[in-house]
Amino acid sequence: MPIDRLRGRHNPSSREGKPQDYPEMVNLVLGPLVTILLFLFISGYTCRNEEERLINHLFKERGYNKELRPAQSKDEIVDIYLALTLSNLISLDEVEETLLTNVWMEHSWTDYRLAWNTSEFDDIDILRLPSSMVWLPEIVLENNNDAQFEVAYYCNVLLYPSGFVYWLPPAIFRSSCSINVYYFPFDWQNCSLKFSSLTYNAKEITLHLREDEDSENSRYYRVEWIIIDPEGFTENGEWEIVHRPARKNTYKSIPMDSNKHQDITFYLIIKRKPLFYIVNIIIPCVLISFMVSLVYFLPADSGEKMSLSISVLLAQSVFLLLISQRLPETSMAVPLIVKYLMFIMILVTAVVLNCVVMLNYHFRTPSTHVMTQWTKEFFLGTLPRLMHLSRPGESEATWEGALPRRSSSVGYIAKAEEYYSMKSRSELMFEKQSERHGLATRPTPTAEYKPSGETDETKQLYDEMKPAIEGANYIVKHIENKNNYNEEKEDWAWIATTVDLLCFYIVTPIMTIGTIVIFMAGIYNHPPPLPFEGDLFTYMQEDKRYI
C-alpha cells in the first residue's frame, strides 16, 4: 500500500516491529475529511451539470430554433400576454408633443418546445436564460417619437417546466401625445402607449392583457390598467395621473393578415398641476393688467399717462412671448392664458387710444378748436349729469366783469356815457380842432342833443373822463375776452376729464368680468369621471372584471 510505504520510509522503527500509533491517528482523521470533500465536490458538479444538461437537452438535443414561432401547426395561434408597470412619468413636452415614461414591459407566453420533466433533471423548476436564446414575439411601441422601437435592456427570461416564458425588460419610451392646449394651464391630456407585434399578424399570435388570480375567491381577471407599485413609483411634479386604463383594440376594417389588426393600448389620462403657472405667470400678469386702471388717476399735465399705459402693454407682450415658448406651434386651438393676454392687450390698446383722445381734448384752446353747441350740451350737460359729476366751484359766486361804482360818480358817468354814445366817433375826434379853427359844426342829432343840466363844467368833465371811460371799457372787454378764453379752455379740460372717467367706468368692469370669466372656464375644466365615454367600467384595480 502507498500509505505503508510512506510510513516505512519515514519511521525506521517500523522495521523493528515497534508500535505505529501516530500514523494510524492520521489515517483516522484524513479518511473522513477526504470523503466529505469528495462528496461535496461531486454534488456541486452534479448540480451544475444538471442545468447544463437541461439546457443541452432543450436547445441541442431537441434542435430548438428561436426563429420559429412556438406553434405545433400552421393554424395554431400563440397567445401573448402583456402588462405594463409604470415606474416614473418623467415629463410631457408640450412643444414636441412627446410623453417620456420609464416602464417595465411584461411579456409572457408558452413555448411547448421548452418544457421538461423536473424529475429527470434533479427537480430543476426554473431556468434563467439570455433573451437572445429564445423566441420573442417582437412587441414594439407603435406611436414612438424617436424611432426607438425596442426596449432599453434585453434582460434574461425566466423559463418554467411547463414551457411558460416570462420576460420583464425595462424601457424608457418616448411616445407621441397629441396636446390639447385649449385650457392651458388648467388642461388635462389623454396620452397612450400603443403596442403591437412588429412581425406577426393576428393569424399567428393573439395579444391579451395579463390574467391574474384573485386570492380571495380564486377567480381570474384581466389586468385592465397600468400597474403602479407605490414603493417604486416616482410622482411627477407637474402632472397628476387621473385614469390609467388598458385595452385590447381590434380593428375589423383591417384584415387579419396585417399586423395592424390588433394592438394593446395603455392610456394615461393626466391633469396638469397649475400652481407653478398661477404663481409665476397668472398672478403677476393680472396685477400688471390692473395697473392700467391707474392711468385714469394720473393728471394729464404730468405727461405720464401714455408712458404708464404703454409700459403695461409691453409687459403683456413679454408674458405672451414667455407663454409661446411653452406651447406647441399649433393652430387647432388658442390657449386660455393666451386668450386672456390678448384680451388684456386689446383693453390696454384701447386705454392708449383713450389717453390720446383725452390729451387732445385736454390741451385744446379756443384759438385752435371751436366748441360746437352739441358738444357743450352733451359733454358739459347731459353726460356729467348721467355720471353724477359736478365741476368744482360751480356753486361759488363768480365775478360778472363789473365792479359796483361809487354813488357820487354814478350820475356823471351815466350822463357821459349817454352823451358820447349819441355822438359819432369823427365828431368826438375832431370836435376840439373844429372849435379852434372856427369851423361850424354840422347839426347832428348829437349836436342837438344836450344832456339835461349840461353846462360848460359838465362838458369839460365829460371831455376829461372820455379817455378814462375808453380805457375802462377796453380793460373790461379784454378781461371779458380773457375770461371767455379761459372758461372755454377749462371746458375742454373738463370734457377730457369726463371722457377719461367714462372710459374708467367702462374699462375696469370689463377687465374684471373678463378675467373672472376666462379663468373660471379653466378652473372648472376637469377630466371625465370615467376613462372612456359610454363605458361605465372604471378600469381600476379595485373594480375587477372576472373572466
Protein backbone atom coordinates (compact mmCIF):
# COMPACT_ATOMS: atom_id res chain seq x y z
CA MET A 1 0.00 0.00 0.00
CA PRO A 2 1.30 3.54 -0.67
CA ILE A 3 0.47 4.60 2.86
CA ASP A 4 2.50 1.68 4.23
CA ARG A 5 5.44 2.62 2.06
CA LEU A 6 5.18 6.20 3.25
CA ARG A 7 5.11 5.12 6.85
CA GLY A 8 8.03 2.75 6.36
CA ARG A 9 10.16 5.40 4.73
CA HIS A 10 9.73 7.97 7.47
CA ASN A 11 9.59 5.72 10.53
CA PRO A 12 12.61 3.37 10.82
CA SER A 13 11.22 1.80 13.96
CA SER A 14 8.62 0.05 11.88
CA ARG A 15 11.16 -2.38 10.61
CA GLU A 16 11.92 -3.37 14.14
CA GLY A 17 8.23 -4.11 14.96
CA LYS A 18 7.59 -1.06 17.19
CA PRO A 19 4.06 0.35 17.74
CA GLN A 20 2.55 2.52 14.89
CA ASP A 21 0.27 4.82 16.92
CA TYR A 22 0.88 8.16 15.15
CA PRO A 23 0.29 7.09 11.50
CA GLU A 24 -2.93 5.31 12.47
CA MET A 25 -4.28 8.51 14.04
CA VAL A 26 -3.52 10.41 10.82
CA ASN A 27 -5.46 7.88 8.79
CA LEU A 28 -8.43 8.14 11.13
CA VAL A 29 -8.62 11.95 10.67
CA LEU A 30 -7.84 12.31 6.96
CA GLY A 31 -10.10 9.49 5.77
CA PRO A 32 -13.49 11.04 6.72
CA LEU A 33 -12.35 14.53 5.70
CA VAL A 34 -11.35 13.42 2.22
CA THR A 35 -14.64 11.55 1.88
CA ILE A 36 -16.69 14.66 2.79
CA LEU A 37 -14.75 16.87 0.36
CA LEU A 38 -15.21 14.39 -2.46
CA PHE A 39 -18.96 14.21 -1.74
CA LEU A 40 -19.38 17.98 -1.79
CA PHE A 41 -17.37 18.32 -4.99
CA ILE A 42 -19.30 15.59 -6.74
CA SER A 43 -22.65 17.05 -5.56
CA GLY A 44 -21.86 20.55 -6.82
CA TYR A 45 -20.52 19.22 -10.05
CA THR A 46 -23.62 17.11 -10.47
CA CYS A 47 -25.98 20.11 -9.89
CA ARG A 48 -24.08 22.26 -12.31
CA ASN A 49 -24.10 19.53 -14.83
CA GLU A 50 -27.87 19.03 -14.44
CA GLU A 51 -28.64 22.63 -15.51
CA GLU A 52 -26.15 22.35 -18.31
CA ARG A 53 -27.60 19.01 -19.31
CA LEU A 54 -31.09 20.50 -19.26
CA ILE A 55 -30.02 23.39 -21.49
CA ASN A 56 -28.31 20.99 -23.87
CA HIS A 57 -31.41 18.84 -23.86
CA LEU A 58 -33.73 21.76 -24.67
CA PHE A 59 -31.63 23.58 -27.22
CA LYS A 60 -29.33 20.97 -28.81
CA GLU A 61 -30.92 17.59 -28.49
CA ARG A 62 -34.35 18.90 -29.45
CA GLY A 63 -32.90 21.19 -32.08
CA TYR A 64 -34.56 24.38 -30.79
CA ASN A 65 -34.79 27.15 -33.40
CA LYS A 66 -35.56 30.59 -31.96
CA GLU A 67 -36.56 31.93 -35.37
CA LEU A 68 -39.62 29.69 -35.49
CA ARG A 69 -42.94 30.53 -33.88
CA PRO A 70 -43.78 28.15 -30.98
CA ALA A 71 -46.75 26.56 -32.71
CA GLN A 72 -47.25 22.86 -33.38
CA SER A 73 -49.14 23.53 -36.59
CA LYS A 74 -49.52 26.31 -39.10
CA ASP A 75 -53.04 27.22 -37.95
CA GLU A 76 -52.20 27.29 -34.25
CA ILE A 77 -52.21 30.77 -32.72
CA VAL A 78 -49.77 31.68 -29.96
CA ASP A 79 -51.24 33.65 -27.05
CA ILE A 80 -49.13 36.59 -25.86
CA TYR A 81 -49.98 38.24 -22.53
CA LEU A 82 -48.85 41.81 -21.83
CA ALA A 83 -48.83 44.11 -18.82
CA LEU A 84 -47.22 47.48 -18.15
CA THR A 85 -45.74 48.66 -14.86
CA LEU A 86 -45.13 52.41 -14.65
CA SER A 87 -42.06 53.45 -12.66
CA ASN A 88 -41.97 57.14 -13.48
CA LEU A 89 -43.86 59.61 -15.60
CA ILE A 90 -40.76 61.62 -16.45
CA SER A 91 -42.20 64.51 -18.45
CA LEU A 92 -44.62 65.68 -21.09
CA ASP A 93 -43.03 68.03 -23.60
CA GLU A 94 -45.84 70.24 -24.92
CA VAL A 95 -43.72 71.80 -27.67
CA GLU A 96 -42.59 68.46 -29.16
CA GLU A 97 -45.80 66.69 -28.06
CA THR A 98 -43.78 63.85 -26.52
CA LEU A 99 -44.51 61.78 -23.42
CA LEU A 100 -41.43 60.37 -21.67
CA THR A 101 -42.07 57.38 -19.38
CA ASN A 102 -39.98 54.83 -17.51
CA VAL A 103 -41.74 51.45 -17.55
CA TRP A 104 -41.34 47.69 -17.16
CA MET A 105 -42.89 45.85 -20.11
CA GLU A 106 -44.12 42.41 -19.07
CA HIS A 107 -44.35 39.61 -21.69
CA SER A 108 -45.46 36.04 -21.13
CA TRP A 109 -46.26 33.14 -23.44
CA THR A 110 -45.93 29.36 -23.63
CA ASP A 111 -43.29 27.65 -25.78
CA TYR A 112 -44.03 23.92 -25.86
CA ARG A 113 -40.51 23.20 -27.12
CA LEU A 114 -39.01 24.44 -23.84
CA ALA A 115 -40.97 22.18 -21.49
CA TRP A 116 -39.21 19.48 -19.41
CA ASN A 117 -39.85 16.91 -16.74
CA THR A 118 -38.39 18.10 -13.45
CA SER A 119 -37.88 14.56 -12.15
CA GLU A 120 -35.43 13.86 -14.94
CA PHE A 121 -33.30 16.89 -14.16
CA ASP A 122 -32.86 16.89 -10.40
CA ASP A 123 -36.12 18.81 -9.79
CA ILE A 124 -34.94 21.98 -11.55
CA ASP A 125 -38.06 24.19 -11.68
CA ILE A 126 -36.74 27.38 -13.29
CA LEU A 127 -34.10 28.42 -15.79
CA ARG A 128 -32.71 31.92 -16.33
CA LEU A 129 -31.54 32.33 -19.87
CA PRO A 130 -30.49 35.25 -22.07
CA SER A 131 -33.40 36.54 -24.12
CA SER A 132 -31.33 36.08 -27.27
CA MET A 133 -31.60 32.28 -26.86
CA VAL A 134 -35.40 32.02 -27.12
CA TRP A 135 -38.15 33.09 -29.49
CA LEU A 136 -39.54 36.59 -28.84
CA PRO A 137 -42.87 37.99 -30.08
CA GLU A 138 -41.23 41.30 -31.05
CA ILE A 139 -43.75 43.59 -29.37
CA VAL A 140 -42.88 47.23 -30.10
CA LEU A 141 -44.25 50.69 -29.33
CA GLU A 142 -46.10 51.88 -32.42
CA ASN A 143 -46.51 55.54 -31.52
CA ASN A 144 -42.89 56.13 -30.57
CA ASN A 145 -41.45 59.56 -31.23
CA ASP A 146 -37.75 58.79 -31.61
CA ALA A 147 -37.67 55.72 -33.90
CA GLN A 148 -36.61 53.52 -30.97
CA PHE A 149 -38.92 50.52 -31.22
CA GLU A 150 -37.05 48.21 -28.88
CA VAL A 151 -36.72 48.04 -25.12
CA ALA A 152 -33.80 49.65 -23.35
CA TYR A 153 -32.23 46.45 -22.00
CA TYR A 154 -32.66 42.83 -23.06
CA CYS A 155 -32.67 41.12 -19.69
CA ASN A 156 -32.88 37.38 -19.02
CA VAL A 157 -36.06 35.40 -19.50
CA LEU A 158 -37.48 33.06 -16.86
CA LEU A 159 -38.27 29.58 -18.16
CA TYR A 160 -40.57 27.18 -16.28
CA PRO A 161 -41.00 23.39 -16.72
CA SER A 162 -44.39 23.81 -18.41
CA GLY A 163 -42.76 25.84 -21.18
CA PHE A 164 -44.09 29.10 -19.76
CA VAL A 165 -41.76 32.00 -20.64
CA TYR A 166 -41.75 35.22 -18.59
CA TRP A 167 -39.83 38.30 -19.76
CA LEU A 168 -39.79 41.66 -17.96
CA PRO A 169 -37.47 44.12 -19.74
CA PRO A 170 -37.18 47.78 -18.62
CA ALA A 171 -37.71 50.57 -21.12
CA ILE A 172 -37.78 54.35 -21.44
CA PHE A 173 -40.37 55.21 -24.05
CA ARG A 174 -40.74 58.49 -25.92
CA SER A 175 -44.29 58.26 -27.23
CA SER A 176 -46.18 60.82 -29.25
CA CYS A 177 -49.07 62.53 -27.47
CA SER A 178 -51.44 64.95 -29.15
CA ILE A 179 -51.64 68.03 -26.92
CA ASN A 180 -54.88 69.96 -26.50
CA VAL A 181 -53.80 73.43 -25.35
CA TYR A 182 -57.27 74.99 -25.22
CA TYR A 183 -57.43 75.18 -21.41
CA PHE A 184 -53.71 75.66 -20.74
CA PRO A 185 -52.57 75.84 -17.91
CA PHE A 186 -55.75 74.24 -16.49
CA ASP A 187 -55.68 71.41 -19.03
CA TRP A 188 -55.67 67.63 -18.95
CA GLN A 189 -54.24 65.33 -21.59
CA ASN A 190 -55.01 61.83 -22.85
CA CYS A 191 -51.79 60.08 -23.84
CA SER A 192 -51.37 56.47 -24.87
CA LEU A 193 -48.74 53.80 -25.44
CA LYS A 194 -49.79 51.54 -28.30
CA PHE A 195 -48.09 48.13 -28.59
CA SER A 196 -48.30 45.59 -31.39
CA SER A 197 -46.14 42.90 -32.93
CA LEU A 198 -43.66 44.09 -35.49
CA THR A 199 -43.56 40.76 -37.34
CA TYR A 200 -46.60 38.59 -36.64
CA ASN A 201 -50.22 39.15 -37.61
CA ALA A 202 -53.46 38.18 -35.89
CA LYS A 203 -53.46 34.72 -37.54
CA GLU A 204 -50.14 33.88 -35.90
CA ILE A 205 -50.32 35.47 -32.45
CA THR A 206 -53.11 36.90 -30.32
CA LEU A 207 -52.42 39.72 -27.90
CA HIS A 208 -54.07 39.62 -24.48
CA LEU A 209 -53.90 41.58 -21.28
CA ARG A 210 -52.30 39.67 -18.45
CA GLU A 211 -54.57 37.44 -16.39
CA ASP A 212 -54.19 37.11 -12.62
CA GLU A 213 -55.90 35.04 -9.98
CA ASP A 214 -57.80 36.69 -7.14
CA SER A 215 -56.51 35.21 -3.90
CA GLU A 216 -59.83 35.81 -2.14
CA ASN A 217 -62.16 33.88 -4.43
CA SER A 218 -59.69 32.04 -6.73
CA ARG A 219 -61.23 33.64 -9.80
CA TYR A 220 -59.26 35.01 -12.72
CA TYR A 221 -59.43 38.56 -14.01
CA ARG A 222 -57.65 40.62 -16.63
CA VAL A 223 -55.27 43.37 -15.57
CA GLU A 224 -57.05 46.21 -17.41
CA TRP A 225 -54.95 49.02 -16.00
CA ILE A 226 -51.39 50.22 -15.85
CA ILE A 227 -49.71 48.74 -12.81
CA ILE A 228 -48.18 51.21 -10.34
CA ASP A 229 -46.07 50.00 -7.46
CA PRO A 230 -46.38 52.63 -4.69
CA GLU A 231 -42.94 51.78 -3.36
CA GLY A 232 -41.21 52.05 -6.73
CA PHE A 233 -43.21 54.84 -8.35
CA THR A 234 -41.86 58.41 -8.52
CA GLU A 235 -44.60 61.03 -8.71
CA ASN A 236 -44.32 63.78 -11.29
CA GLY A 237 -44.34 67.37 -10.01
CA GLU A 238 -46.33 68.81 -12.91
CA TRP A 239 -48.80 66.07 -13.83
CA GLU A 240 -51.28 64.04 -11.81
CA ILE A 241 -52.46 60.66 -13.09
CA VAL A 242 -56.27 60.55 -13.08
CA HIS A 243 -57.00 57.39 -15.09
CA ARG A 244 -54.67 54.62 -16.34
CA PRO A 245 -56.77 52.08 -18.26
CA ALA A 246 -55.53 49.35 -20.59
CA ARG A 247 -57.43 47.95 -23.54
CA LYS A 248 -57.11 45.47 -26.35
CA ASN A 249 -58.20 47.06 -29.62
CA THR A 250 -59.28 45.04 -32.63
CA TYR A 251 -59.87 46.81 -35.94
CA LYS A 252 -62.35 44.90 -38.09
CA SER A 253 -61.73 47.15 -41.06
CA ILE A 254 -58.12 45.95 -41.20
CA PRO A 255 -57.61 42.33 -42.38
CA MET A 256 -56.15 39.77 -40.01
CA ASP A 257 -53.20 39.28 -42.32
CA SER A 258 -51.94 42.70 -41.24
CA ASN A 259 -50.06 43.26 -38.00
CA LYS A 260 -52.20 46.41 -37.55
CA HIS A 261 -55.35 44.36 -36.95
CA GLN A 262 -54.83 44.23 -33.17
CA ASP A 263 -52.94 46.10 -30.51
CA ILE A 264 -52.73 46.57 -26.76
CA THR A 265 -53.02 50.23 -25.74
CA PHE A 266 -52.21 51.65 -22.34
CA TYR A 267 -53.78 55.04 -21.65
CA LEU A 268 -52.59 57.78 -19.32
CA ILE A 269 -55.19 60.46 -18.60
CA ILE A 270 -53.25 63.11 -16.71
CA LYS A 271 -54.17 66.52 -15.30
CA ARG A 272 -51.76 69.42 -15.00
CA LYS A 273 -50.94 70.87 -11.59
CA PRO A 274 -51.34 74.61 -12.34
CA LEU A 275 -49.74 76.04 -9.18
CA PHE A 276 -46.46 76.87 -10.93
CA TYR A 277 -48.20 78.85 -13.67
CA ILE A 278 -50.58 80.56 -11.24
CA VAL A 279 -47.74 81.86 -9.06
CA ASN A 280 -45.23 82.72 -11.77
CA ILE A 281 -47.40 83.89 -14.66
CA ILE A 282 -51.09 84.40 -13.94
CA ILE A 283 -50.88 86.42 -10.71
CA PRO A 284 -48.13 88.80 -11.98
CA CYS A 285 -49.99 89.16 -15.27
CA VAL A 286 -53.28 90.04 -13.56
CA LEU A 287 -51.62 92.53 -11.21
CA ILE A 288 -49.81 94.26 -14.07
CA SER A 289 -53.02 94.30 -16.09
CA PHE A 290 -54.96 96.11 -13.37
CA MET A 291 -52.20 98.71 -13.14
CA VAL A 292 -53.60 100.16 -16.34
CA SER A 293 -56.52 101.49 -14.27
CA LEU A 294 -54.06 103.82 -12.54
CA VAL A 295 -53.69 105.68 -15.83
CA TYR A 296 -57.06 107.33 -15.21
CA PHE A 297 -55.90 108.76 -11.89
CA LEU A 298 -52.81 110.46 -13.31
CA PRO A 299 -53.25 114.17 -14.16
CA ALA A 300 -52.93 114.97 -17.84
CA ASP A 301 -50.36 117.69 -17.18
CA SER A 302 -47.96 115.14 -15.64
CA GLY A 303 -47.20 113.66 -19.06
CA GLU A 304 -47.05 110.09 -17.65
CA LYS A 305 -50.39 108.71 -18.79
CA MET A 306 -49.05 107.46 -22.12
CA SER A 307 -45.85 106.14 -20.54
CA LEU A 308 -47.69 104.01 -17.98
CA SER A 309 -50.19 102.55 -20.45
CA ILE A 310 -47.50 101.66 -22.99
CA SER A 311 -45.37 100.10 -20.24
CA VAL A 312 -48.26 97.81 -19.30
CA LEU A 313 -48.71 96.92 -22.97
CA LEU A 314 -45.04 95.97 -23.29
CA ALA A 315 -45.20 93.87 -20.10
CA GLN A 316 -48.13 91.90 -21.53
CA SER A 317 -46.13 91.31 -24.71
CA VAL A 318 -43.30 89.83 -22.65
CA PHE A 319 -45.70 87.43 -20.90
CA LEU A 320 -47.15 86.42 -24.26
CA LEU A 321 -43.64 85.65 -25.52
CA LEU A 322 -42.90 83.50 -22.45
CA ILE A 323 -46.09 81.51 -22.92
CA SER A 324 -45.48 80.94 -26.63
CA GLN A 325 -42.20 79.18 -25.81
CA ARG A 326 -44.02 76.57 -23.70
CA LEU A 327 -46.72 75.66 -26.22
CA PRO A 328 -46.70 73.72 -29.49
CA GLU A 329 -46.95 75.64 -32.72
CA THR A 330 -50.50 74.62 -33.47
CA SER A 331 -53.49 76.37 -34.96
CA MET A 332 -56.01 73.89 -33.61
CA ALA A 333 -56.86 75.95 -30.53
CA VAL A 334 -55.91 79.14 -28.72
CA PRO A 335 -54.78 78.53 -25.11
CA LEU A 336 -56.81 80.02 -22.30
CA ILE A 337 -53.98 82.13 -20.94
CA VAL A 338 -53.19 83.43 -24.43
CA LYS A 339 -56.82 84.46 -24.76
CA TYR A 340 -56.50 86.37 -21.51
CA LEU A 341 -53.29 88.09 -22.61
CA MET A 342 -54.83 89.04 -25.95
CA PHE A 343 -57.93 90.31 -24.14
CA ILE A 344 -55.79 92.46 -21.84
CA MET A 345 -53.66 93.71 -24.73
CA ILE A 346 -56.79 94.83 -26.59
CA LEU A 347 -58.02 96.67 -23.49
CA VAL A 348 -54.64 98.30 -22.90
CA THR A 349 -54.53 99.34 -26.56
CA ALA A 350 -57.97 100.90 -26.09
CA VAL A 351 -56.64 102.70 -23.00
CA VAL A 352 -53.74 104.07 -25.04
CA LEU A 353 -56.16 105.37 -27.66
CA ASN A 354 -58.29 106.82 -24.88
CA CYS A 355 -55.26 108.63 -23.50
CA VAL A 356 -54.54 110.11 -26.92
CA VAL A 357 -58.12 111.38 -27.28
CA MET A 358 -58.21 112.65 -23.72
CA LEU A 359 -54.93 114.55 -24.07
CA ASN A 360 -56.15 116.01 -27.35
CA TYR A 361 -59.27 117.35 -25.60
CA HIS A 362 -57.33 118.50 -22.57
CA PHE A 363 -54.92 120.72 -24.49
CA ARG A 364 -57.45 122.26 -26.87
CA THR A 365 -57.87 126.05 -26.83
CA PRO A 366 -60.37 128.46 -28.45
CA SER A 367 -57.62 129.57 -30.82
CA THR A 368 -57.26 126.03 -32.25
CA HIS A 369 -60.73 124.49 -31.93
CA VAL A 370 -64.27 125.80 -31.87
CA MET A 371 -66.62 124.10 -29.41
CA THR A 372 -69.93 123.37 -31.07
CA GLN A 373 -73.25 123.75 -29.34
CA TRP A 374 -73.83 119.98 -29.48
CA THR A 375 -70.51 119.37 -27.75
CA LYS A 376 -71.42 121.81 -25.00
CA GLU A 377 -74.84 120.31 -24.43
CA PHE A 378 -73.70 116.68 -24.38
CA PHE A 379 -70.29 116.76 -22.69
CA LEU A 380 -70.94 119.66 -20.34
CA GLY A 381 -74.57 118.99 -19.57
CA THR A 382 -76.02 115.57 -20.35
CA LEU A 383 -73.02 113.29 -19.76
CA PRO A 384 -71.90 114.80 -16.41
CA ARG A 385 -75.49 114.69 -15.21
CA LEU A 386 -75.77 110.99 -16.10
CA MET A 387 -72.46 110.28 -14.37
CA HIS A 388 -73.44 112.40 -11.36
CA LEU A 389 -70.47 114.71 -11.85
CA SER A 390 -70.24 118.35 -10.87
CA ARG A 391 -67.50 120.80 -11.68
CA PRO A 392 -65.54 122.21 -8.77
CA GLY A 393 -66.71 125.74 -7.74
CA GLU A 394 -69.98 125.66 -9.66
CA SER A 395 -71.92 126.76 -6.59
CA GLU A 396 -69.47 129.56 -5.73
CA ALA A 397 -70.16 133.21 -6.69
CA THR A 398 -68.43 134.36 -9.86
CA TRP A 399 -67.29 137.83 -10.90
CA GLU A 400 -69.52 139.20 -13.63
CA GLY A 401 -66.87 141.50 -15.09
CA ALA A 402 -68.01 144.80 -13.42
CA LEU A 403 -67.45 146.32 -10.03
CA PRO A 404 -70.02 148.48 -8.25
CA ARG A 405 -69.25 152.13 -8.82
CA ARG A 406 -69.25 154.83 -6.20
CA SER A 407 -72.59 156.59 -5.86
CA SER A 408 -71.05 160.08 -6.26
CA SER A 409 -69.88 159.39 -9.79
CA VAL A 410 -72.70 157.23 -10.99
CA GLY A 411 -74.73 160.10 -12.35
CA TYR A 412 -71.83 161.78 -14.10
CA ILE A 413 -70.61 158.60 -15.73
CA ALA A 414 -74.12 157.75 -16.85
CA LYS A 415 -74.54 161.16 -18.44
CA ALA A 416 -71.09 160.97 -20.03
CA GLU A 417 -71.83 157.57 -21.49
CA GLU A 418 -75.15 158.86 -22.75
CA TYR A 419 -73.50 161.91 -24.30
CA TYR A 420 -70.70 160.08 -26.00
CA SER A 421 -72.96 157.34 -27.21
CA MET A 422 -75.01 159.88 -29.17
CA LYS A 423 -72.02 161.44 -30.94
CA SER A 424 -70.20 159.88 -33.83
CA ARG A 425 -66.53 158.96 -33.49
CA SER A 426 -65.46 161.56 -36.09
CA GLU A 427 -67.21 164.32 -34.22
CA LEU A 428 -65.63 163.28 -30.96
CA MET A 429 -62.23 163.08 -32.62
CA PHE A 430 -62.30 166.48 -34.45
CA GLU A 431 -64.54 168.44 -32.11
CA LYS A 432 -61.78 170.49 -30.50
CA GLN A 433 -59.95 171.10 -33.79
CA SER A 434 -63.15 172.48 -35.33
CA GLU A 435 -63.69 174.90 -32.48
CA ARG A 436 -60.07 176.02 -32.61
CA HIS A 437 -60.30 176.94 -36.30
CA GLY A 438 -63.77 178.50 -36.02
CA LEU A 439 -65.50 175.89 -38.12
CA ALA A 440 -69.19 175.46 -37.62
CA THR A 441 -70.26 172.01 -36.84
CA ARG A 442 -72.84 170.23 -38.87
CA PRO A 443 -76.05 169.90 -36.98
CA THR A 444 -76.49 166.35 -35.95
CA PRO A 445 -78.77 164.60 -33.56
CA THR A 446 -75.86 164.53 -31.21
CA ALA A 447 -75.28 168.22 -31.52
CA GLU A 448 -78.89 168.96 -30.97
CA TYR A 449 -78.96 166.67 -28.02
CA LYS A 450 -77.78 168.14 -24.81
CA PRO A 451 -77.84 166.30 -21.63
CA SER A 452 -80.06 167.67 -19.03
CA GLY A 453 -78.41 170.29 -16.90
CA GLU A 454 -75.41 170.45 -19.22
CA THR A 455 -73.05 173.27 -18.50
CA ASP A 456 -69.56 174.08 -19.52
CA GLU A 457 -68.29 172.42 -16.41
CA THR A 458 -70.05 169.16 -17.13
CA LYS A 459 -68.88 169.27 -20.70
CA GLN A 460 -65.35 169.80 -19.54
CA LEU A 461 -65.84 166.90 -17.14
CA TYR A 462 -67.08 164.76 -19.99
CA ASP A 463 -64.04 165.61 -22.03
CA GLU A 464 -61.72 164.74 -19.20
CA MET A 465 -63.49 161.43 -18.43
CA LYS A 466 -63.60 160.27 -22.04
CA PRO A 467 -60.12 158.67 -22.11
CA ALA A 468 -60.75 157.01 -18.75
CA ILE A 469 -64.05 155.56 -19.94
CA GLU A 470 -62.49 154.28 -23.14
CA GLY A 471 -59.64 152.71 -21.16
CA ALA A 472 -62.05 151.16 -18.68
CA ASN A 473 -64.17 149.77 -21.50
CA TYR A 474 -61.04 148.33 -23.13
CA ILE A 475 -59.92 146.72 -19.90
CA VAL A 476 -63.37 145.30 -19.24
CA LYS A 477 -63.58 143.93 -22.78
CA HIS A 478 -60.07 142.46 -22.53
CA ILE A 479 -60.84 140.83 -19.19
CA GLU A 480 -64.10 139.53 -20.58
CA ASN A 481 -62.35 138.04 -23.61
CA LYS A 482 -59.69 136.52 -21.39
CA ASN A 483 -62.32 135.09 -19.09
CA ASN A 484 -64.18 133.64 -22.04
CA TYR A 485 -60.91 132.17 -23.36
CA ASN A 486 -60.02 130.60 -20.02
CA GLU A 487 -63.55 129.41 -19.48
CA GLU A 488 -63.67 127.64 -22.84
CA LYS A 489 -60.22 126.15 -22.20
CA GLU A 490 -61.45 124.85 -18.86
CA ASP A 491 -64.49 123.46 -20.63
CA TRP A 492 -62.20 121.44 -22.93
CA ALA A 493 -60.25 120.19 -19.90
CA TRP A 494 -63.49 119.25 -18.18
CA ILE A 495 -64.64 117.38 -21.29
CA ALA A 496 -61.32 115.48 -21.23
CA THR A 497 -61.82 114.62 -17.56
CA THR A 498 -65.37 113.45 -18.22
CA VAL A 499 -64.29 111.24 -21.13
CA ASP A 500 -61.42 109.84 -19.05
CA LEU A 501 -63.71 108.99 -16.17
CA LEU A 502 -66.27 107.46 -18.54
CA CYS A 503 -63.59 105.17 -20.00
CA PHE A 504 -62.51 104.20 -16.48
CA TYR A 505 -66.07 103.19 -15.65
CA ILE A 506 -66.17 101.11 -18.84
CA VAL A 507 -62.68 99.52 -18.90
CA THR A 508 -62.39 98.46 -15.24
CA PRO A 509 -65.62 96.38 -15.07
CA ILE A 510 -64.88 94.82 -18.46
CA MET A 511 -61.38 93.86 -17.31
CA THR A 512 -62.64 92.43 -14.02
CA ILE A 513 -65.52 90.45 -15.53
CA GLY A 514 -63.39 89.22 -18.43
CA THR A 515 -60.64 88.00 -16.09
CA ILE A 516 -63.12 86.10 -13.94
CA VAL A 517 -64.96 84.54 -16.89
CA ILE A 518 -61.79 83.42 -18.70
CA PHE A 519 -60.10 81.81 -15.71
CA MET A 520 -63.27 80.30 -14.28
CA ALA A 521 -63.67 78.40 -17.55
CA GLY A 522 -60.26 76.84 -16.93
CA ILE A 523 -60.76 76.17 -13.22
CA TYR A 524 -63.92 74.15 -13.92
CA ASN A 525 -62.24 72.11 -16.66
CA HIS A 526 -61.88 68.60 -15.20
CA PRO A 527 -61.13 65.19 -16.73
CA PRO A 528 -64.12 62.90 -17.27
CA PRO A 529 -65.13 60.71 -14.31
CA LEU A 530 -64.69 57.58 -16.45
CA PRO A 531 -61.83 56.82 -18.86
CA PHE A 532 -63.99 56.07 -21.90
CA GLU A 533 -67.20 57.78 -22.91
CA GLY A 534 -70.14 55.38 -22.83
CA ASP A 535 -68.18 52.73 -20.90
CA LEU A 536 -69.22 52.51 -17.25
CA PHE A 537 -66.23 50.41 -16.22
CA THR A 538 -63.63 52.31 -14.18
CA TYR A 539 -60.58 50.23 -15.22
CA MET A 540 -59.24 50.38 -11.67
CA GLN A 541 -57.66 47.67 -9.56
CA GLU A 542 -60.49 47.97 -7.05
CA ASP A 543 -63.06 47.24 -9.76
CA LYS A 544 -62.04 43.91 -11.33
CA ARG A 545 -63.88 42.19 -14.15
CA TYR A 546 -63.67 38.46 -13.69
CA ILE A 547 -63.36 36.13 -16.62
